[in-house]
């Protein structure tokens, strides 16, 4: 399969999985979620952000698992993801919320500098204005 065919297949898997959960994702949301997955896979080679390496598993075990929590945040205005790691579920929630609940602001906190560097890169590249990244301990 070509890279385009692979991407189309992964995007279709994501869309169908979200639909099965009762979520309708726009093309912009799907594009950003897949861009996030690509960044996670790229940075994971150097920074070990997740044990998963297979893009298909990242879609099902990271993106769709994170989207499954969306209903718990209906109406939330401020969300705190402590120990944000590679951005799961915080980044996925932020991508969804940017269109679905624009009033929601998400703060991602992690003690590991390389993880917050990754999260800041994702925030910048995906233009996630609803995300704040904090490198700190929470006690």
N, C-alpha and C. Protein backbone atom coordinates (compact mmCIF):
# COMPACT_ATOMS: atom_id res chain seq x y z
N UNK A 1 0.83 -1.18 0.00
CA UNK A 1 0.00 0.00 0.00
C UNK A 1 0.88 1.25 0.00
N UNK A 2 0.44 2.27 -0.71
CA UNK A 2 1.20 3.53 -0.73
C UNK A 2 0.91 4.31 0.54
N UNK A 3 1.72 5.33 0.80
CA UNK A 3 1.51 6.16 1.98
C UNK A 3 0.14 6.83 1.97
N UNK A 4 -0.30 7.28 0.78
CA UNK A 4 -1.62 7.91 0.66
C UNK A 4 -2.72 6.90 0.97
N UNK A 5 -2.58 5.69 0.45
CA UNK A 5 -3.58 4.64 0.71
C UNK A 5 -3.58 4.28 2.20
N UNK A 6 -2.40 4.20 2.80
CA UNK A 6 -2.31 3.92 4.23
C UNK A 6 -3.00 5.00 5.04
N UNK A 7 -2.72 6.27 4.72
CA UNK A 7 -3.33 7.38 5.42
C UNK A 7 -4.84 7.38 5.26
N UNK A 8 -5.30 7.12 4.04
CA UNK A 8 -6.75 7.07 3.79
C UNK A 8 -7.40 5.95 4.61
N UNK A 9 -6.74 4.81 4.68
CA UNK A 9 -7.27 3.69 5.46
C UNK A 9 -7.33 4.04 6.95
N UNK A 10 -6.26 4.64 7.48
CA UNK A 10 -6.23 5.02 8.90
C UNK A 10 -7.29 6.08 9.20
N UNK A 11 -7.44 7.04 8.30
CA UNK A 11 -8.44 8.09 8.48
C UNK A 11 -9.84 7.49 8.47
N UNK A 12 -10.09 6.56 7.58
CA UNK A 12 -11.39 5.89 7.51
C UNK A 12 -11.66 5.10 8.79
N UNK A 13 -10.64 4.41 9.30
CA UNK A 13 -10.77 3.67 10.56
C UNK A 13 -11.13 4.61 11.69
N UNK A 14 -10.47 5.76 11.75
CA UNK A 14 -10.74 6.75 12.78
C UNK A 14 -12.17 7.29 12.67
N UNK A 15 -12.56 7.64 11.46
CA UNK A 15 -13.90 8.19 11.25
C UNK A 15 -14.98 7.18 11.61
N UNK A 16 -14.80 5.95 11.17
CA UNK A 16 -15.79 4.90 11.46
C UNK A 16 -15.86 4.59 12.95
N UNK A 17 -14.71 4.57 13.60
CA UNK A 17 -14.68 4.32 15.05
C UNK A 17 -15.37 5.42 15.82
N UNK A 18 -15.13 6.67 15.43
CA UNK A 18 -15.77 7.81 16.08
C UNK A 18 -17.28 7.75 15.87
N UNK A 19 -17.69 7.44 14.64
CA UNK A 19 -19.12 7.34 14.33
C UNK A 19 -19.78 6.26 15.18
N UNK A 20 -19.10 5.14 15.37
CA UNK A 20 -19.63 4.06 16.20
C UNK A 20 -19.83 4.51 17.65
N UNK A 21 -19.07 5.52 18.09
CA UNK A 21 -19.21 6.07 19.44
C UNK A 21 -20.23 7.21 19.49
N UNK A 22 -20.80 7.53 18.34
CA UNK A 22 -21.78 8.62 18.29
C UNK A 22 -21.17 9.99 18.07
N UNK A 23 -19.90 10.02 17.65
CA UNK A 23 -19.23 11.29 17.38
C UNK A 23 -19.12 11.52 15.88
N UNK A 24 -19.43 12.72 15.46
CA UNK A 24 -19.24 13.10 14.07
C UNK A 24 -18.04 14.04 14.02
N UNK A 25 -17.00 13.62 13.32
CA UNK A 25 -15.79 14.43 13.20
C UNK A 25 -15.76 15.10 11.83
N UNK A 26 -15.44 16.39 11.83
CA UNK A 26 -15.31 17.11 10.57
C UNK A 26 -14.02 16.68 9.87
N UNK A 27 -13.90 17.05 8.60
CA UNK A 27 -12.67 16.76 7.88
C UNK A 27 -11.48 17.45 8.54
N UNK A 28 -11.69 18.67 9.05
CA UNK A 28 -10.61 19.40 9.73
C UNK A 28 -10.17 18.67 11.00
N UNK A 29 -11.14 18.16 11.76
CA UNK A 29 -10.80 17.41 12.96
C UNK A 29 -10.05 16.13 12.61
N UNK A 30 -10.52 15.42 11.60
CA UNK A 30 -9.85 14.19 11.17
C UNK A 30 -8.42 14.49 10.71
N UNK A 31 -8.25 15.56 9.94
CA UNK A 31 -6.92 15.93 9.45
C UNK A 31 -5.98 16.24 10.62
N UNK A 32 -6.47 16.98 11.61
CA UNK A 32 -5.62 17.33 12.76
C UNK A 32 -5.31 16.10 13.61
N UNK A 33 -6.28 15.22 13.79
CA UNK A 33 -6.03 13.99 14.55
C UNK A 33 -4.98 13.13 13.86
N UNK A 34 -5.06 13.03 12.55
CA UNK A 34 -4.07 12.24 11.81
C UNK A 34 -2.71 12.94 11.80
N UNK A 35 -2.69 14.25 11.77
CA UNK A 35 -1.43 14.99 11.85
C UNK A 35 -0.79 14.78 13.23
N UNK A 36 -1.62 14.76 14.26
CA UNK A 36 -1.13 14.49 15.62
C UNK A 36 -0.54 13.08 15.69
N UNK A 37 -1.25 12.11 15.12
CA UNK A 37 -0.76 10.73 15.13
C UNK A 37 0.59 10.65 14.41
N UNK A 38 0.75 11.37 13.31
CA UNK A 38 2.01 11.36 12.57
C UNK A 38 3.13 11.99 13.40
N UNK A 39 2.83 13.09 14.10
CA UNK A 39 3.84 13.72 14.97
C UNK A 39 4.21 12.79 16.12
N UNK A 40 3.22 12.15 16.69
CA UNK A 40 3.47 11.21 17.79
C UNK A 40 4.39 10.08 17.32
N UNK A 41 4.11 9.53 16.13
CA UNK A 41 4.94 8.45 15.59
C UNK A 41 6.37 8.94 15.31
N UNK A 42 6.49 10.14 14.75
CA UNK A 42 7.81 10.70 14.41
C UNK A 42 8.64 10.96 15.67
N UNK A 43 8.07 11.66 16.64
CA UNK A 43 8.79 11.99 17.86
C UNK A 43 9.03 10.76 18.72
N UNK A 44 8.16 9.78 18.59
CA UNK A 44 8.28 8.55 19.40
C UNK A 44 9.57 7.80 19.10
N UNK A 45 10.09 7.96 17.90
CA UNK A 45 11.34 7.28 17.52
C UNK A 45 12.51 7.77 18.36
N UNK A 46 12.45 9.02 18.81
CA UNK A 46 13.54 9.61 19.57
C UNK A 46 13.22 9.72 21.06
N UNK A 47 11.98 10.07 21.39
CA UNK A 47 11.63 10.38 22.77
C UNK A 47 10.84 9.31 23.51
N UNK A 48 10.49 8.21 22.87
CA UNK A 48 9.75 7.13 23.53
C UNK A 48 8.53 7.66 24.28
N UNK A 49 7.61 8.24 23.54
CA UNK A 49 6.39 8.80 24.12
C UNK A 49 5.32 7.75 24.37
N UNK A 50 5.37 6.66 23.61
CA UNK A 50 4.39 5.59 23.73
C UNK A 50 5.04 4.27 23.33
N UNK A 51 4.55 3.18 23.90
CA UNK A 51 5.09 1.86 23.55
C UNK A 51 4.63 1.41 22.17
N UNK A 52 3.52 1.98 21.70
CA UNK A 52 2.99 1.58 20.39
C UNK A 52 3.79 2.21 19.27
N UNK A 53 4.08 1.42 18.26
CA UNK A 53 4.83 1.90 17.10
C UNK A 53 3.99 1.81 15.81
N UNK A 54 3.03 0.91 15.79
CA UNK A 54 2.22 0.68 14.59
C UNK A 54 1.15 1.77 14.45
N UNK A 55 1.12 2.47 13.30
CA UNK A 55 0.15 3.54 13.12
C UNK A 55 -1.31 3.10 13.29
N UNK A 56 -1.65 1.91 12.85
CA UNK A 56 -3.02 1.42 13.01
C UNK A 56 -3.38 1.25 14.49
N UNK A 57 -2.42 0.74 15.27
CA UNK A 57 -2.65 0.61 16.71
C UNK A 57 -2.75 1.98 17.38
N UNK A 58 -1.98 2.94 16.90
CA UNK A 58 -2.06 4.29 17.46
C UNK A 58 -3.46 4.88 17.25
N UNK A 59 -4.04 4.61 16.09
CA UNK A 59 -5.39 5.11 15.81
C UNK A 59 -6.40 4.47 16.77
N UNK A 60 -6.34 3.15 16.90
CA UNK A 60 -7.34 2.48 17.74
C UNK A 60 -7.06 2.62 19.23
N UNK A 61 -5.81 2.47 19.62
CA UNK A 61 -5.48 2.45 21.05
C UNK A 61 -5.21 3.82 21.65
N UNK A 62 -4.94 4.82 20.82
CA UNK A 62 -4.68 6.17 21.33
C UNK A 62 -5.79 7.13 20.93
N UNK A 63 -5.99 7.32 19.64
CA UNK A 63 -6.97 8.32 19.20
C UNK A 63 -8.39 7.92 19.57
N UNK A 64 -8.80 6.72 19.20
CA UNK A 64 -10.17 6.31 19.50
C UNK A 64 -10.40 6.12 21.00
N UNK A 65 -9.42 5.57 21.71
CA UNK A 65 -9.56 5.44 23.16
C UNK A 65 -9.74 6.81 23.81
N UNK A 66 -8.97 7.79 23.36
CA UNK A 66 -9.10 9.15 23.90
C UNK A 66 -10.45 9.76 23.54
N UNK A 67 -10.91 9.55 22.32
CA UNK A 67 -12.22 10.07 21.91
C UNK A 67 -13.36 9.43 22.70
N UNK A 68 -13.15 8.22 23.20
CA UNK A 68 -14.21 7.55 23.96
C UNK A 68 -14.53 8.29 25.26
N UNK A 69 -13.63 9.16 25.71
CA UNK A 69 -13.86 9.92 26.95
C UNK A 69 -14.57 11.26 26.71
N UNK A 70 -14.80 11.62 25.47
CA UNK A 70 -15.37 12.92 25.13
C UNK A 70 -16.67 13.20 25.88
N UNK A 71 -17.55 12.23 25.98
CA UNK A 71 -18.86 12.46 26.62
C UNK A 71 -18.72 12.89 28.08
N UNK A 72 -17.64 12.49 28.74
CA UNK A 72 -17.42 12.88 30.14
C UNK A 72 -17.11 14.37 30.27
N UNK A 73 -16.75 15.03 29.17
CA UNK A 73 -16.35 16.43 29.21
C UNK A 73 -17.39 17.38 28.61
N UNK A 74 -18.57 16.88 28.34
CA UNK A 74 -19.62 17.71 27.77
C UNK A 74 -19.90 18.88 28.70
N UNK A 75 -19.80 20.08 28.17
CA UNK A 75 -20.06 21.29 28.95
C UNK A 75 -18.89 21.79 29.77
N UNK A 76 -17.81 21.03 29.84
CA UNK A 76 -16.64 21.48 30.63
C UNK A 76 -16.02 22.71 29.99
N UNK A 77 -15.55 23.62 30.83
CA UNK A 77 -14.90 24.81 30.31
C UNK A 77 -13.39 24.76 30.49
N UNK A 78 -12.95 24.13 31.57
CA UNK A 78 -11.52 24.01 31.84
C UNK A 78 -11.21 22.56 32.18
N UNK A 79 -10.19 22.02 31.51
CA UNK A 79 -9.79 20.63 31.71
C UNK A 79 -8.30 20.62 32.03
N UNK A 80 -7.92 19.83 33.03
CA UNK A 80 -6.53 19.69 33.42
C UNK A 80 -6.10 18.25 33.20
N UNK A 81 -5.09 18.05 32.37
CA UNK A 81 -4.53 16.72 32.09
C UNK A 81 -3.17 16.66 32.79
N UNK A 82 -3.16 16.03 33.97
CA UNK A 82 -1.94 15.93 34.77
C UNK A 82 -1.20 14.67 34.37
N UNK A 83 0.10 14.81 34.13
CA UNK A 83 0.87 13.68 33.62
C UNK A 83 0.52 13.44 32.17
N UNK A 84 0.48 14.52 31.42
CA UNK A 84 -0.03 14.50 30.04
C UNK A 84 0.77 13.60 29.11
N UNK A 85 2.04 13.36 29.42
CA UNK A 85 2.85 12.48 28.59
C UNK A 85 2.89 12.94 27.15
N UNK A 86 2.48 12.06 26.26
CA UNK A 86 2.45 12.37 24.83
C UNK A 86 1.20 13.09 24.38
N UNK A 87 0.34 13.48 25.34
CA UNK A 87 -0.84 14.25 24.98
C UNK A 87 -2.13 13.47 24.92
N UNK A 88 -2.13 12.32 25.55
CA UNK A 88 -3.33 11.48 25.53
C UNK A 88 -3.97 11.47 26.92
N UNK A 89 -5.19 11.84 27.04
CA UNK A 89 -6.17 12.21 26.02
C UNK A 89 -6.23 13.71 25.71
N UNK A 90 -5.42 14.54 26.39
CA UNK A 90 -5.55 15.98 26.30
C UNK A 90 -5.52 16.58 24.91
N UNK A 91 -4.56 16.20 24.08
CA UNK A 91 -4.46 16.77 22.73
C UNK A 91 -5.65 16.32 21.88
N UNK A 92 -6.02 15.07 22.00
CA UNK A 92 -7.17 14.56 21.23
C UNK A 92 -8.43 15.31 21.64
N UNK A 93 -8.61 15.51 22.93
CA UNK A 93 -9.75 16.27 23.44
C UNK A 93 -9.72 17.71 22.93
N UNK A 94 -8.55 18.31 22.89
CA UNK A 94 -8.41 19.69 22.40
C UNK A 94 -8.78 19.80 20.93
N UNK A 95 -8.36 18.83 20.13
CA UNK A 95 -8.69 18.85 18.70
C UNK A 95 -10.20 18.74 18.52
N UNK A 96 -10.83 17.84 19.27
CA UNK A 96 -12.29 17.69 19.20
C UNK A 96 -12.98 18.97 19.66
N UNK A 97 -12.55 19.50 20.81
CA UNK A 97 -13.22 20.64 21.43
C UNK A 97 -13.10 21.93 20.64
N UNK A 98 -12.02 22.10 19.89
CA UNK A 98 -11.82 23.34 19.13
C UNK A 98 -13.04 23.68 18.28
N UNK A 99 -13.70 22.67 17.74
CA UNK A 99 -14.91 22.89 16.94
C UNK A 99 -16.17 22.58 17.73
N UNK A 100 -16.16 21.51 18.50
CA UNK A 100 -17.38 21.04 19.16
C UNK A 100 -17.73 21.85 20.41
N UNK A 101 -16.73 22.29 21.15
CA UNK A 101 -16.93 23.07 22.38
C UNK A 101 -15.84 24.13 22.48
N UNK A 102 -15.92 25.18 21.65
CA UNK A 102 -14.83 26.15 21.57
C UNK A 102 -14.51 26.87 22.89
N UNK A 103 -15.43 26.85 23.84
CA UNK A 103 -15.17 27.51 25.13
C UNK A 103 -14.22 26.69 26.01
N UNK A 104 -14.00 25.40 25.68
CA UNK A 104 -13.17 24.53 26.50
C UNK A 104 -11.69 24.86 26.32
N UNK A 105 -11.01 25.00 27.45
CA UNK A 105 -9.57 25.23 27.48
C UNK A 105 -8.93 24.04 28.19
N UNK A 106 -7.84 23.53 27.64
CA UNK A 106 -7.18 22.35 28.18
C UNK A 106 -5.76 22.70 28.59
N UNK A 107 -5.41 22.37 29.83
CA UNK A 107 -4.06 22.57 30.32
C UNK A 107 -3.40 21.21 30.47
N UNK A 108 -2.25 21.05 29.84
CA UNK A 108 -1.49 19.80 29.89
C UNK A 108 -0.27 20.02 30.78
N UNK A 109 -0.13 19.20 31.81
CA UNK A 109 0.97 19.33 32.76
C UNK A 109 1.79 18.06 32.76
N UNK A 110 3.12 18.21 32.65
CA UNK A 110 4.02 17.06 32.77
C UNK A 110 5.33 17.52 33.36
N UNK A 111 5.98 16.61 34.10
CA UNK A 111 7.26 16.94 34.74
C UNK A 111 8.45 16.70 33.82
N UNK A 112 8.23 15.98 32.72
CA UNK A 112 9.33 15.61 31.82
C UNK A 112 9.43 16.65 30.69
N UNK A 113 10.57 17.33 30.64
CA UNK A 113 10.76 18.42 29.69
C UNK A 113 10.62 17.97 28.24
N UNK A 114 11.12 16.79 27.89
CA UNK A 114 11.02 16.34 26.50
C UNK A 114 9.56 16.12 26.09
N UNK A 115 8.73 15.73 27.04
CA UNK A 115 7.30 15.55 26.73
C UNK A 115 6.60 16.90 26.56
N UNK A 116 6.93 17.87 27.41
CA UNK A 116 6.31 19.18 27.24
C UNK A 116 6.83 19.87 25.97
N UNK A 117 8.07 19.59 25.57
CA UNK A 117 8.60 20.12 24.31
C UNK A 117 7.78 19.55 23.14
N UNK A 118 7.50 18.26 23.19
CA UNK A 118 6.67 17.64 22.17
C UNK A 118 5.27 18.26 22.15
N UNK A 119 4.67 18.41 23.31
CA UNK A 119 3.32 18.98 23.40
C UNK A 119 3.29 20.41 22.86
N UNK A 120 4.32 21.20 23.14
CA UNK A 120 4.38 22.56 22.60
C UNK A 120 4.53 22.55 21.08
N UNK A 121 5.27 21.58 20.55
CA UNK A 121 5.41 21.44 19.10
C UNK A 121 4.06 21.10 18.46
N UNK A 122 3.35 20.16 19.08
CA UNK A 122 2.01 19.78 18.58
C UNK A 122 1.08 20.99 18.61
N UNK A 123 1.08 21.70 19.74
CA UNK A 123 0.23 22.89 19.88
C UNK A 123 0.51 23.88 18.76
N UNK A 124 1.79 24.14 18.48
CA UNK A 124 2.17 25.11 17.45
C UNK A 124 1.80 24.61 16.05
N UNK A 125 2.19 23.37 15.73
CA UNK A 125 1.95 22.86 14.37
C UNK A 125 0.47 22.70 14.05
N UNK A 126 -0.31 22.30 15.05
CA UNK A 126 -1.74 22.09 14.81
C UNK A 126 -2.58 23.32 15.14
N UNK A 127 -1.90 24.39 15.55
CA UNK A 127 -2.56 25.66 15.87
C UNK A 127 -3.70 25.46 16.87
N UNK A 128 -3.35 24.85 18.01
CA UNK A 128 -4.33 24.57 19.05
C UNK A 128 -4.33 25.71 20.07
N UNK A 129 -5.13 26.72 19.82
CA UNK A 129 -5.22 27.87 20.69
C UNK A 129 -5.90 27.59 22.02
N UNK A 130 -6.54 26.44 22.13
CA UNK A 130 -7.25 26.09 23.36
C UNK A 130 -6.38 25.26 24.32
N UNK A 131 -5.08 25.16 24.03
CA UNK A 131 -4.17 24.34 24.83
C UNK A 131 -3.11 25.21 25.49
N UNK A 132 -2.85 24.89 26.77
CA UNK A 132 -1.73 25.47 27.50
C UNK A 132 -0.87 24.31 27.99
N UNK A 133 0.43 24.40 27.78
CA UNK A 133 1.36 23.35 28.22
C UNK A 133 2.18 23.89 29.38
N UNK A 134 2.25 23.10 30.46
CA UNK A 134 2.98 23.52 31.65
C UNK A 134 3.98 22.43 32.03
N UNK A 135 5.25 22.84 32.15
CA UNK A 135 6.30 21.91 32.62
C UNK A 135 6.44 22.14 34.10
N UNK A 136 5.82 21.26 34.91
CA UNK A 136 5.83 21.43 36.36
C UNK A 136 5.42 20.14 37.04
N UNK A 137 5.63 20.14 38.35
CA UNK A 137 5.14 19.04 39.18
C UNK A 137 3.81 19.46 39.79
N UNK A 138 2.92 18.51 39.97
CA UNK A 138 1.64 18.77 40.61
C UNK A 138 1.60 17.93 41.87
N UNK A 139 1.51 18.60 43.01
CA UNK A 139 1.50 17.86 44.28
C UNK A 139 0.44 18.41 45.19
